[in-house]
Amino acid sequence: MSVEHKSALEHVNDTLAQLKEMRHYAKNNVELLTTQWLLFDGELSKLKHASKIEVLMTRQGEFYDVLEEEINALESLAEALQPPPEGEDG
């Protein structure tokens, strides 16, 4: 088995791809959970589970926000790691 050596830019791009996939699923999860909570808020309240679901929605939303911040930071890093165009002095 050969060991693949990647540049810093390749590692950043790989991580960005994974985080963007996580963002996609996180957003879908928040939307689905919100829909369910809105549909069954009354019943969940009667069963004393509404507050538990609300905590999950808040945590999932916080995760999504932090994930978005990290994606933006890594995109900036990827831009900084881009090699200069051919023929330019740096």
N, C-alpha and C. Protein backbone atom coordinates (compact mmCIF):
# COMPACT_ATOMS: atom_id res chain seq x y z
N MET A 1 0.84 -1.17 0.00
CA MET A 1 0.00 0.00 0.00
C MET A 1 0.89 1.24 0.00
N SER A 2 0.69 2.13 -0.95
CA SER A 2 1.52 3.33 -1.02
C SER A 2 0.91 4.44 -0.19
N VAL A 3 1.79 5.26 0.33
CA VAL A 3 1.35 6.41 1.11
C VAL A 3 1.24 7.60 0.18
N GLU A 4 0.09 8.21 0.16
CA GLU A 4 -0.14 9.36 -0.71
C GLU A 4 0.26 10.63 0.04
N HIS A 5 1.13 11.41 -0.56
CA HIS A 5 1.56 12.67 0.04
C HIS A 5 0.77 13.80 -0.59
N LYS A 6 0.04 14.51 0.22
CA LYS A 6 -0.78 15.60 -0.27
C LYS A 6 -0.20 16.93 0.20
N SER A 7 -0.45 17.93 -0.60
CA SER A 7 -0.03 19.28 -0.22
C SER A 7 -1.02 19.82 0.83
N ALA A 8 -0.63 20.91 1.46
CA ALA A 8 -1.51 21.55 2.44
C ALA A 8 -2.82 21.96 1.76
N LEU A 9 -2.73 22.47 0.54
CA LEU A 9 -3.92 22.89 -0.20
C LEU A 9 -4.84 21.70 -0.46
N GLU A 10 -4.28 20.57 -0.82
CA GLU A 10 -5.10 19.37 -1.06
C GLU A 10 -5.80 18.92 0.22
N HIS A 11 -5.09 18.98 1.35
CA HIS A 11 -5.72 18.62 2.63
C HIS A 11 -6.85 19.58 2.97
N VAL A 12 -6.62 20.87 2.76
CA VAL A 12 -7.66 21.86 3.04
C VAL A 12 -8.87 21.61 2.13
N ASN A 13 -8.63 21.37 0.85
CA ASN A 13 -9.74 21.13 -0.07
C ASN A 13 -10.50 19.86 0.27
N ASP A 14 -9.80 18.80 0.68
CA ASP A 14 -10.47 17.57 1.10
C ASP A 14 -11.34 17.82 2.33
N THR A 15 -10.80 18.57 3.29
CA THR A 15 -11.55 18.87 4.51
C THR A 15 -12.76 19.74 4.17
N LEU A 16 -12.57 20.71 3.28
CA LEU A 16 -13.70 21.55 2.86
C LEU A 16 -14.81 20.72 2.24
N ALA A 17 -14.45 19.77 1.41
CA ALA A 17 -15.46 18.93 0.77
C ALA A 17 -16.26 18.16 1.83
N GLN A 18 -15.57 17.62 2.83
CA GLN A 18 -16.25 16.88 3.88
C GLN A 18 -17.15 17.79 4.72
N LEU A 19 -16.65 18.97 5.06
CA LEU A 19 -17.44 19.91 5.87
C LEU A 19 -18.66 20.40 5.11
N LYS A 20 -18.52 20.61 3.82
CA LYS A 20 -19.67 21.05 3.02
C LYS A 20 -20.73 19.95 2.95
N GLU A 21 -20.28 18.71 2.89
CA GLU A 21 -21.24 17.60 2.92
C GLU A 21 -21.94 17.56 4.27
N MET A 22 -21.18 17.75 5.36
CA MET A 22 -21.77 17.79 6.70
C MET A 22 -22.78 18.93 6.80
N ARG A 23 -22.42 20.09 6.23
CA ARG A 23 -23.32 21.26 6.27
C ARG A 23 -24.64 20.93 5.59
N HIS A 24 -24.55 20.26 4.45
CA HIS A 24 -25.76 19.88 3.71
C HIS A 24 -26.68 19.03 4.59
N TYR A 25 -26.11 18.00 5.22
CA TYR A 25 -26.91 17.12 6.06
C TYR A 25 -27.39 17.82 7.32
N ALA A 26 -26.56 18.68 7.91
CA ALA A 26 -26.96 19.41 9.11
C ALA A 26 -28.16 20.30 8.81
N LYS A 27 -28.10 21.00 7.69
CA LYS A 27 -29.21 21.88 7.32
C LYS A 27 -30.49 21.08 7.12
N ASN A 28 -30.39 19.97 6.42
CA ASN A 28 -31.57 19.13 6.22
C ASN A 28 -32.11 18.60 7.54
N ASN A 29 -31.22 18.21 8.45
CA ASN A 29 -31.66 17.71 9.75
C ASN A 29 -32.39 18.78 10.55
N VAL A 30 -31.87 19.99 10.55
CA VAL A 30 -32.52 21.09 11.26
C VAL A 30 -33.90 21.35 10.67
N GLU A 31 -33.99 21.36 9.36
CA GLU A 31 -35.27 21.63 8.72
C GLU A 31 -36.28 20.53 9.03
N LEU A 32 -35.86 19.27 8.96
CA LEU A 32 -36.77 18.17 9.26
C LEU A 32 -37.21 18.17 10.72
N LEU A 33 -36.27 18.40 11.61
CA LEU A 33 -36.59 18.42 13.03
C LEU A 33 -37.52 19.58 13.35
N THR A 34 -37.29 20.72 12.74
CA THR A 34 -38.16 21.88 12.95
C THR A 34 -39.57 21.58 12.47
N THR A 35 -39.67 20.95 11.31
CA THR A 35 -40.99 20.60 10.77
C THR A 35 -41.73 19.67 11.72
N GLN A 36 -41.03 18.64 12.20
CA GLN A 36 -41.66 17.71 13.13
C GLN A 36 -42.08 18.40 14.42
N TRP A 37 -41.21 19.26 14.93
CA TRP A 37 -41.50 19.95 16.17
C TRP A 37 -42.73 20.83 16.01
N LEU A 38 -42.81 21.55 14.90
CA LEU A 38 -43.96 22.41 14.68
C LEU A 38 -45.25 21.61 14.53
N LEU A 39 -45.17 20.47 13.87
CA LEU A 39 -46.36 19.64 13.69
C LEU A 39 -46.87 19.06 15.00
N PHE A 40 -45.94 18.70 15.89
CA PHE A 40 -46.33 17.96 17.08
C PHE A 40 -46.03 18.69 18.38
N ASP A 41 -45.82 20.00 18.30
CA ASP A 41 -45.49 20.77 19.50
C ASP A 41 -46.51 20.57 20.60
N GLY A 42 -47.77 20.64 20.26
CA GLY A 42 -48.82 20.47 21.28
C GLY A 42 -48.75 19.11 21.94
N GLU A 43 -48.66 18.06 21.13
CA GLU A 43 -48.59 16.70 21.67
C GLU A 43 -47.31 16.47 22.47
N LEU A 44 -46.20 16.98 21.93
CA LEU A 44 -44.92 16.82 22.63
C LEU A 44 -44.94 17.56 23.97
N SER A 45 -45.61 18.72 24.01
CA SER A 45 -45.71 19.46 25.26
C SER A 45 -46.49 18.65 26.29
N LYS A 46 -47.58 18.06 25.85
CA LYS A 46 -48.38 17.23 26.76
C LYS A 46 -47.57 16.05 27.28
N LEU A 47 -46.71 15.52 26.45
CA LEU A 47 -45.89 14.36 26.83
C LEU A 47 -44.58 14.77 27.50
N LYS A 48 -44.41 16.08 27.70
CA LYS A 48 -43.21 16.64 28.34
C LYS A 48 -41.92 16.35 27.55
N HIS A 49 -42.04 16.43 26.24
CA HIS A 49 -40.86 16.22 25.39
C HIS A 49 -40.55 17.41 24.50
N ALA A 50 -41.39 18.43 24.48
CA ALA A 50 -41.17 19.58 23.60
C ALA A 50 -39.87 20.28 23.94
N SER A 51 -39.59 20.46 25.21
CA SER A 51 -38.36 21.18 25.59
C SER A 51 -37.12 20.39 25.22
N LYS A 52 -37.20 19.07 25.27
CA LYS A 52 -36.06 18.24 24.89
C LYS A 52 -35.76 18.38 23.40
N ILE A 53 -36.81 18.40 22.60
CA ILE A 53 -36.65 18.56 21.15
C ILE A 53 -36.13 19.96 20.84
N GLU A 54 -36.62 20.95 21.57
CA GLU A 54 -36.17 22.32 21.35
C GLU A 54 -34.67 22.45 21.63
N VAL A 55 -34.18 21.78 22.67
CA VAL A 55 -32.75 21.78 22.97
C VAL A 55 -31.97 21.15 21.82
N LEU A 56 -32.46 20.05 21.28
CA LEU A 56 -31.79 19.41 20.14
C LEU A 56 -31.75 20.35 18.93
N MET A 57 -32.84 21.03 18.68
CA MET A 57 -32.89 21.95 17.55
C MET A 57 -31.89 23.09 17.75
N THR A 58 -31.80 23.60 18.97
CA THR A 58 -30.86 24.68 19.26
C THR A 58 -29.43 24.20 19.07
N ARG A 59 -29.10 23.03 19.57
CA ARG A 59 -27.74 22.50 19.43
C ARG A 59 -27.40 22.24 17.97
N GLN A 60 -28.34 21.69 17.23
CA GLN A 60 -28.10 21.42 15.81
C GLN A 60 -27.89 22.74 15.08
N GLY A 61 -28.67 23.76 15.41
CA GLY A 61 -28.50 25.07 14.80
C GLY A 61 -27.15 25.69 15.13
N GLU A 62 -26.70 25.54 16.38
CA GLU A 62 -25.39 26.04 16.78
C GLU A 62 -24.28 25.32 16.02
N PHE A 63 -24.42 24.00 15.88
CA PHE A 63 -23.46 23.23 15.10
C PHE A 63 -23.39 23.75 13.67
N TYR A 64 -24.54 23.98 13.08
CA TYR A 64 -24.59 24.47 11.70
C TYR A 64 -23.87 25.82 11.59
N ASP A 65 -24.09 26.71 12.55
CA ASP A 65 -23.45 28.03 12.52
C ASP A 65 -21.93 27.93 12.63
N VAL A 66 -21.43 27.09 13.53
CA VAL A 66 -19.99 26.92 13.70
C VAL A 66 -19.39 26.25 12.47
N LEU A 67 -20.10 25.30 11.92
CA LEU A 67 -19.66 24.62 10.71
C LEU A 67 -19.52 25.62 9.56
N GLU A 68 -20.48 26.51 9.43
CA GLU A 68 -20.44 27.53 8.38
C GLU A 68 -19.23 28.45 8.57
N GLU A 69 -18.94 28.83 9.81
CA GLU A 69 -17.78 29.67 10.10
C GLU A 69 -16.48 28.96 9.70
N GLU A 70 -16.37 27.69 10.01
CA GLU A 70 -15.15 26.95 9.69
C GLU A 70 -15.00 26.77 8.18
N ILE A 71 -16.09 26.54 7.48
CA ILE A 71 -16.04 26.44 6.02
C ILE A 71 -15.52 27.75 5.44
N ASN A 72 -16.04 28.87 5.92
CA ASN A 72 -15.57 30.17 5.43
C ASN A 72 -14.09 30.37 5.71
N ALA A 73 -13.64 29.99 6.91
CA ALA A 73 -12.23 30.14 7.27
C ALA A 73 -11.34 29.27 6.38
N LEU A 74 -11.76 28.04 6.13
CA LEU A 74 -10.96 27.14 5.29
C LEU A 74 -10.96 27.59 3.83
N GLU A 75 -12.06 28.16 3.37
CA GLU A 75 -12.08 28.69 2.00
C GLU A 75 -11.08 29.83 1.87
N SER A 76 -11.00 30.68 2.87
CA SER A 76 -10.00 31.77 2.85
C SER A 76 -8.59 31.20 2.88
N LEU A 77 -8.38 30.17 3.69
CA LEU A 77 -7.07 29.53 3.76
C LEU A 77 -6.71 28.90 2.42
N ALA A 78 -7.66 28.25 1.78
CA ALA A 78 -7.41 27.62 0.48
C ALA A 78 -7.01 28.67 -0.55
N GLU A 79 -7.65 29.83 -0.51
CA GLU A 79 -7.27 30.91 -1.43
C GLU A 79 -5.84 31.36 -1.17
N ALA A 80 -5.48 31.47 0.11
CA ALA A 80 -4.12 31.91 0.47
C ALA A 80 -3.07 30.87 0.07
N LEU A 81 -3.45 29.59 0.04
CA LEU A 81 -2.52 28.52 -0.30
C LEU A 81 -2.37 28.30 -1.80
N GLN A 82 -3.20 28.96 -2.59
CA GLN A 82 -3.12 28.79 -4.04
C GLN A 82 -1.75 29.27 -4.52
N PRO A 83 -1.10 28.49 -5.37
CA PRO A 83 0.17 28.96 -5.92
C PRO A 83 -0.05 30.20 -6.79
N PRO A 84 0.93 31.08 -6.83
CA PRO A 84 0.76 32.26 -7.68
C PRO A 84 0.69 31.85 -9.14
N PRO A 85 -0.03 32.63 -9.94
CA PRO A 85 -0.10 32.32 -11.37
C PRO A 85 1.30 32.32 -12.00
N GLU A 86 1.46 31.51 -13.01
CA GLU A 86 2.73 31.43 -13.73
C GLU A 86 3.16 32.82 -14.22
N GLY A 87 4.43 33.12 -14.09
CA GLY A 87 4.97 34.34 -14.63
C GLY A 87 4.90 35.53 -13.70
N GLU A 88 4.29 35.37 -12.52
CA GLU A 88 4.23 36.49 -11.58
C GLU A 88 5.32 36.34 -10.54
N ASP A 89 5.94 37.45 -10.20
CA ASP A 89 6.94 37.45 -9.13
C ASP A 89 6.22 37.63 -7.83
N GLY A 90 6.68 36.91 -6.77
CA GLY A 90 5.96 36.98 -5.53
C GLY A 90 6.78 37.39 -4.46
